[in-house]
C-alpha cells in the first residue's frame, strides 16, 4: 500500500516543471534569435555607410 505521508516528487509537479522549462527555453530562443537579427542589421548598416563613404571619396577624386 502507498503511504499518504510519503514525501517525493509527484507526476504533476514533474509535468509542471517540464512545462515551465519549455516556456523559458522558448522565450530564450526567441530573444537570442532577435539579437542575432539585430546584429546582422547593424553590420549591414555599417557596411552600407562604409561603401557610401568610399564612393564619395572616389567621386571627389574623379571630379578634378
PDB file of N, CA and C in Angstrom:
ATOM      1  N   UNK A   1       0.822  -1.177   0.000  1.00  0.00           N
ATOM      2  CA  UNK A   1       0.000   0.000   0.000  1.00  0.00           C
ATOM      3  C   UNK A   1       0.872   1.249   0.000  1.00  0.00           C
ATOM      4  N   UNK A   2       0.315   2.306  -0.555  1.00  0.00           N
ATOM      5  CA  UNK A   2       1.029   3.561  -0.599  1.00  0.00           C
ATOM      6  C   UNK A   2       0.789   4.339   0.679  1.00  0.00           C
ATOM      7  N   UNK A   3       1.828   4.936   1.170  1.00  0.00           N
ATOM      8  CA  UNK A   3       1.746   5.749   2.371  1.00  0.00           C
ATOM      9  C   UNK A   3       1.332   7.158   1.979  1.00  0.00           C
ATOM     10  N   UNK A   4       0.282   7.691   2.562  1.00  0.00           N
ATOM     11  CA  UNK A   4      -0.202   9.028   2.227  1.00  0.00           C
ATOM     12  C   UNK A   4       0.762  10.109   2.681  1.00  0.00           C
ATOM     13  N   UNK A   5       1.615   9.835   3.609  1.00  0.00           N
ATOM     14  CA  UNK A   5       2.567  10.808   4.119  1.00  0.00           C
ATOM     15  C   UNK A   5       3.910  10.739   3.389  1.00  0.00           C
ATOM     16  N   UNK A   6       4.003   9.922   2.374  1.00  0.00           N
ATOM     17  CA  UNK A   6       5.276   9.761   1.656  1.00  0.00           C
ATOM     18  C   UNK A   6       5.650  11.084   0.993  1.00  0.00           C
ATOM     19  N   UNK A   7       6.905  11.431   1.158  1.00  0.00           N
ATOM     20  CA  UNK A   7       7.395  12.677   0.561  1.00  0.00           C
ATOM     21  C   UNK A   7       8.135  12.306  -0.708  1.00  0.00           C
ATOM     22  N   UNK A   8       7.875  13.018  -1.755  1.00  0.00           N
ATOM     23  CA  UNK A   8       8.550  12.756  -3.022  1.00  0.00           C
ATOM     24  C   UNK A   8       7.930  13.601  -4.116  1.00  0.00           C
ATOM     25  N   UNK A   9       8.559  13.550  -5.262  1.00  0.00           N
ATOM     26  CA  UNK A   9       8.060  14.335  -6.381  1.00  0.00           C
ATOM     27  C   UNK A   9       6.867  13.612  -6.999  1.00  0.00           C
ATOM     28  N   UNK A  10       5.869  14.361  -7.278  1.00  0.00           N
ATOM     29  CA  UNK A  10       4.694  13.759  -7.891  1.00  0.00           C
ATOM     30  C   UNK A  10       4.757  13.967  -9.399  1.00  0.00           C
ATOM     31  N   UNK A  11       3.978  13.233 -10.094  1.00  0.00           N
ATOM     32  CA  UNK A  11       3.932  13.343 -11.547  1.00  0.00           C
ATOM     33  C   UNK A  11       3.464  14.733 -11.959  1.00  0.00           C
ATOM     34  N   UNK A  12       2.526  15.299 -11.226  1.00  0.00           N
ATOM     35  CA  UNK A  12       2.011  16.636 -11.545  1.00  0.00           C
ATOM     36  C   UNK A  12       3.112  17.675 -11.389  1.00  0.00           C
ATOM     37  N   UNK A  13       3.881  17.593 -10.309  1.00  0.00           N
ATOM     38  CA  UNK A  13       4.973  18.537 -10.092  1.00  0.00           C
ATOM     39  C   UNK A  13       6.020  18.405 -11.186  1.00  0.00           C
ATOM     40  N   UNK A  14       6.303  17.205 -11.605  1.00  0.00           N
ATOM     41  CA  UNK A  14       7.273  16.964 -12.671  1.00  0.00           C
ATOM     42  C   UNK A  14       6.789  17.547 -13.993  1.00  0.00           C
ATOM     43  N   UNK A  15       5.529  17.345 -14.327  1.00  0.00           N
ATOM     44  CA  UNK A  15       4.966  17.886 -15.568  1.00  0.00           C
ATOM     45  C   UNK A  15       4.973  19.411 -15.547  1.00  0.00           C
ATOM     46  N   UNK A  16       4.610  20.011 -14.430  1.00  0.00           N
ATOM     47  CA  UNK A  16       4.613  21.471 -14.315  1.00  0.00           C
ATOM     48  C   UNK A  16       6.026  22.011 -14.485  1.00  0.00           C
ATOM     49  N   UNK A  17       7.009  21.349 -13.887  1.00  0.00           N
ATOM     50  CA  UNK A  17       8.404  21.772 -14.017  1.00  0.00           C
ATOM     51  C   UNK A  17       8.863  21.699 -15.470  1.00  0.00           C
ATOM     52  N   UNK A  18       8.520  20.644 -16.151  1.00  0.00           N
ATOM     53  CA  UNK A  18       8.898  20.491 -17.562  1.00  0.00           C
ATOM     54  C   UNK A  18       8.234  21.561 -18.414  1.00  0.00           C
ATOM     55  N   UNK A  19       6.982  21.857 -18.170  1.00  0.00           N
ATOM     56  CA  UNK A  19       6.273  22.901 -18.922  1.00  0.00           C
ATOM     57  C   UNK A  19       6.942  24.256 -18.714  1.00  0.00           C
ATOM     58  N   UNK A  20       7.294  24.560 -17.476  1.00  0.00           N
ATOM     59  CA  UNK A  20       7.962  25.834 -17.190  1.00  0.00           C
ATOM     60  C   UNK A  20       9.305  25.908 -17.908  1.00  0.00           C
ATOM     61  N   UNK A  21      10.067  24.826 -17.901  1.00  0.00           N
ATOM     62  CA  UNK A  21      11.357  24.802 -18.593  1.00  0.00           C
ATOM     63  C   UNK A  21      11.192  24.975 -20.102  1.00  0.00           C
ATOM     64  N   UNK A  22      10.170  24.379 -20.669  1.00  0.00           N
ATOM     65  CA  UNK A  22       9.914  24.533 -22.107  1.00  0.00           C
ATOM     66  C   UNK A  22       9.568  25.984 -22.432  1.00  0.00           C
ATOM     67  N   UNK A  23       8.770  26.619 -21.614  1.00  0.00           N
ATOM     68  CA  UNK A  23       8.405  28.029 -21.826  1.00  0.00           C
ATOM     69  C   UNK A  23       9.642  28.917 -21.732  1.00  0.00           C
ATOM     70  N   UNK A  24      10.465  28.708 -20.724  1.00  0.00           N
ATOM     71  CA  UNK A  24      11.684  29.511 -20.563  1.00  0.00           C
ATOM     72  C   UNK A  24      12.620  29.299 -21.744  1.00  0.00           C
ATOM     73  N   UNK A  25      12.762  28.073 -22.203  1.00  0.00           N
ATOM     74  CA  UNK A  25      13.614  27.780 -23.360  1.00  0.00           C
ATOM     75  C   UNK A  25      13.090  28.464 -24.618  1.00  0.00           C
ATOM     76  N   UNK A  26      11.798  28.430 -24.823  1.00  0.00           N
ATOM     77  CA  UNK A  26      11.204  29.088 -25.993  1.00  0.00           C
ATOM     78  C   UNK A  26      11.436  30.583 -25.994  1.00  0.00           C
ATOM     79  N   UNK A  27      11.259  31.202 -24.845  1.00  0.00           N
ATOM     80  CA  UNK A  27      11.476  32.647 -24.741  1.00  0.00           C
ATOM     81  C   UNK A  27      12.948  32.972 -24.978  1.00  0.00           C
ATOM     82  N   UNK A  28      13.841  32.184 -24.414  1.00  0.00           N
ATOM     83  CA  UNK A  28      15.277  32.413 -24.595  1.00  0.00           C
ATOM     84  C   UNK A  28      15.686  32.287 -26.055  1.00  0.00           C
ATOM     85  N   UNK A  29      15.147  31.298 -26.750  1.00  0.00           N
ATOM     86  CA  UNK A  29      15.477  31.127 -28.168  1.00  0.00           C
ATOM     87  C   UNK A  29      14.973  32.296 -28.995  1.00  0.00           C
ATOM     88  N   UNK A  30      13.797  32.800 -28.685  1.00  0.00           N
ATOM     89  CA  UNK A  30      13.247  33.941 -29.419  1.00  0.00           C
ATOM     90  C   UNK A  30      14.109  35.178 -29.209  1.00  0.00           C
ATOM     91  N   UNK A  31      14.497  35.441 -27.963  1.00  0.00           N
ATOM     92  CA  UNK A  31      15.326  36.605 -27.655  1.00  0.00           C
ATOM     93  C   UNK A  31      16.680  36.477 -28.333  1.00  0.00           C
ATOM     94  N   UNK A  32      17.276  35.295 -28.285  1.00  0.00           N
ATOM     95  CA  UNK A  32      18.559  35.067 -28.939  1.00  0.00           C
ATOM     96  C   UNK A  32      18.481  35.262 -30.437  1.00  0.00           C
ATOM     97  N   UNK A  33      17.412  34.792 -31.033  1.00  0.00           N
ATOM     98  CA  UNK A  33      17.215  34.958 -32.477  1.00  0.00           C
ATOM     99  C   UNK A  33      17.093  36.430 -32.841  1.00  0.00           C
ATOM    100  N   UNK A  34      16.360  37.183 -32.037  1.00  0.00           N
ATOM    101  CA  UNK A  34      16.213  38.620 -32.283  1.00  0.00           C
ATOM    102  C   UNK A  34      17.546  39.348 -32.159  1.00  0.00           C
ATOM    103  N   UNK A  35      18.367  38.932 -31.200  1.00  0.00           N
ATOM    104  CA  UNK A  35      19.683  39.563 -31.027  1.00  0.00           C
ATOM    105  C   UNK A  35      20.561  39.338 -32.252  1.00  0.00           C
ATOM    106  N   UNK A  36      20.537  38.119 -32.799  1.00  0.00           N
ATOM    107  CA  UNK A  36      21.332  37.836 -33.984  1.00  0.00           C
ATOM    108  C   UNK A  36      20.815  38.616 -35.187  1.00  0.00           C
ATOM    109  N   UNK A  37      19.520  38.751 -35.315  1.00  0.00           N
ATOM    110  CA  UNK A  37      18.952  39.522 -36.419  1.00  0.00           C
ATOM    111  C   UNK A  37      19.353  40.990 -36.319  1.00  0.00           C
ATOM    112  N   UNK A  38      19.278  41.542 -35.120  1.00  0.00           N
ATOM    113  CA  UNK A  38      19.666  42.941 -34.915  1.00  0.00           C
ATOM    114  C   UNK A  38      21.147  43.146 -35.199  1.00  0.00           C
ATOM    115  N   UNK A  39      21.975  42.192 -34.803  1.00  0.00           N
ATOM    116  CA  UNK A  39      23.417  42.297 -35.064  1.00  0.00           C
ATOM    117  C   UNK A  39      23.690  42.270 -36.562  1.00  0.00           C
ATOM    118  N   UNK A  40      22.980  41.420 -37.289  1.00  0.00           N
ATOM    119  CA  UNK A  40      23.151  41.357 -38.742  1.00  0.00           C
ATOM    120  C   UNK A  40      22.710  42.658 -39.412  1.00  0.00           C
ATOM    121  N   UNK A  41      21.636  43.252 -38.934  1.00  0.00           N
ATOM    122  CA  UNK A  41      21.174  44.521 -39.497  1.00  0.00           C
ATOM    123  C   UNK A  41      22.164  45.641 -39.213  1.00  0.00           C
ATOM    124  N   UNK A  42      22.742  45.651 -38.021  1.00  0.00           N
ATOM    125  CA  UNK A  42      23.740  46.666 -37.687  1.00  0.00           C
ATOM    126  C   UNK A  42      24.982  46.507 -38.560  1.00  0.00           C
ATOM    127  N   UNK A  43      25.381  45.271 -38.823  1.00  0.00           N
ATOM    128  CA  UNK A  43      26.534  45.015 -39.694  1.00  0.00           C
ATOM    129  C   UNK A  43      26.242  45.510 -41.101  1.00  0.00           C
ATOM    130  N   UNK A  44      25.052  45.232 -41.599  1.00  0.00           N
ATOM    131  CA  UNK A  44      24.661  45.701 -42.927  1.00  0.00           C
ATOM    132  C   UNK A  44      24.668  47.219 -42.982  1.00  0.00           C
ATOM    133  N   UNK A  45      24.137  47.868 -41.961  1.00  0.00           N
ATOM    134  CA  UNK A  45      24.103  49.329 -41.894  1.00  0.00           C
ATOM    135  C   UNK A  45      25.518  49.909 -41.917  1.00  0.00           C
ATOM    136  N   UNK A  46      26.402  49.324 -41.130  1.00  0.00           N
ATOM    137  CA  UNK A  46      27.790  49.789 -41.091  1.00  0.00           C
ATOM    138  C   UNK A  46      28.471  49.610 -42.438  1.00  0.00           C
ATOM    139  N   UNK A  47      28.260  48.467 -43.059  1.00  0.00           N
ATOM    140  CA  UNK A  47      28.858  48.219 -44.375  1.00  0.00           C
ATOM    141  C   UNK A  47      28.342  49.202 -45.425  1.00  0.00           C
ATOM    142  N   UNK A  48      27.062  49.507 -45.365  1.00  0.00           N
ATOM    143  CA  UNK A  48      26.499  50.463 -46.314  1.00  0.00           C
ATOM    144  C   UNK A  48      27.106  51.854 -46.108  1.00  0.00           C
ATOM    145  N   UNK A  49      27.323  52.254 -44.865  1.00  0.00           N
ATOM    146  CA  UNK A  49      27.952  53.551 -44.590  1.00  0.00           C
ATOM    147  C   UNK A  49      29.397  53.581 -45.090  1.00  0.00           C
ATOM    148  N   UNK A  50      30.112  52.471 -44.924  1.00  0.00           N
ATOM    149  CA  UNK A  50      31.484  52.396 -45.429  1.00  0.00           C
ATOM    150  C   UNK A  50      31.530  52.491 -46.948  1.00  0.00           C
ATOM    151  N   UNK A  51      30.606  51.815 -47.611  1.00  0.00           N
ATOM    152  CA  UNK A  51      30.528  51.874 -49.071  1.00  0.00           C
ATOM    153  C   UNK A  51      30.202  53.294 -49.516  1.00  0.00           C
ATOM    154  N   UNK A  52      29.262  53.925 -48.844  1.00  0.00           N
ATOM    155  CA  UNK A  52      28.874  55.299 -49.183  1.00  0.00           C
ATOM    156  C   UNK A  52      30.063  56.255 -49.029  1.00  0.00           C
ATOM    157  N   UNK A  53      30.823  56.104 -47.967  1.00  0.00           N
ATOM    158  CA  UNK A  53      31.982  56.965 -47.752  1.00  0.00           C
ATOM    159  C   UNK A  53      33.042  56.727 -48.822  1.00  0.00           C
ATOM    160  N   UNK A  54      33.261  55.469 -49.182  1.00  0.00           N
ATOM    161  CA  UNK A  54      34.255  55.139 -50.214  1.00  0.00           C
ATOM    162  C   UNK A  54      33.837  55.685 -51.571  1.00  0.00           C
ATOM    163  N   UNK A  55      32.564  55.585 -51.906  1.00  0.00           N
ATOM    164  CA  UNK A  55      32.065  56.125 -53.181  1.00  0.00           C
ATOM    165  C   UNK A  55      32.246  57.638 -53.206  1.00  0.00           C
ATOM    166  N   UNK A  56      31.992  58.292 -52.091  1.00  0.00           N
ATOM    167  CA  UNK A  56      32.168  59.740 -52.020  1.00  0.00           C
ATOM    168  C   UNK A  56      33.627  60.119 -52.257  1.00  0.00           C
ATOM    169  N   UNK A  57      34.560  59.392 -51.654  1.00  0.00           N
ATOM    170  CA  UNK A  57      35.991  59.658 -51.858  1.00  0.00           C
ATOM    171  C   UNK A  57      36.373  59.472 -53.317  1.00  0.00           C
ATOM    172  N   UNK A  58      35.907  58.396 -53.920  1.00  0.00           N
ATOM    173  CA  UNK A  58      36.233  58.107 -55.320  1.00  0.00           C
ATOM    174  C   UNK A  58      35.645  59.184 -56.233  1.00  0.00           C
ATOM    175  N   UNK A  59      34.408  59.587 -55.968  1.00  0.00           N
ATOM    176  CA  UNK A  59      33.776  60.602 -56.830  1.00  0.00           C
ATOM    177  C   UNK A  59      34.471  61.950 -56.694  1.00  0.00           C
ATOM    178  N   UNK A  60      34.978  62.293 -55.510  1.00  0.00           N
ATOM    179  CA  UNK A  60      35.716  63.553 -55.332  1.00  0.00           C
ATOM    180  C   UNK A  60      37.065  63.500 -56.040  1.00  0.00           C
ATOM    181  N   UNK A  61      37.695  62.334 -56.061  1.00  0.00           N
ATOM    182  CA  UNK A  61      38.969  62.185 -56.790  1.00  0.00           C
ATOM    183  C   UNK A  61      38.770  62.372 -58.294  1.00  0.00           C
ATOM    184  N   UNK A  62      37.694  61.847 -58.815  1.00  0.00           N
ATOM    185  CA  UNK A  62      37.437  61.886 -60.252  1.00  0.00           C
ATOM    186  C   UNK A  62      36.838  63.208 -60.699  1.00  0.00           C
ATOM    187  N   UNK A  63      36.476  64.061 -59.781  1.00  0.00           N
ATOM    188  CA  UNK A  63      35.853  65.322 -60.104  1.00  0.00           C
ATOM    189  C   UNK A  63      36.873  66.287 -60.755  1.00  0.00           C
ATOM    190  N   UNK A  64      38.109  66.206 -60.347  1.00  0.00           N
ATOM    191  CA  UNK A  64      39.123  67.140 -60.826  1.00  0.00           C
ATOM    192  C   UNK A  64      39.931  66.597 -61.953  1.00  0.00           C
TER     193      UNK A  64
END
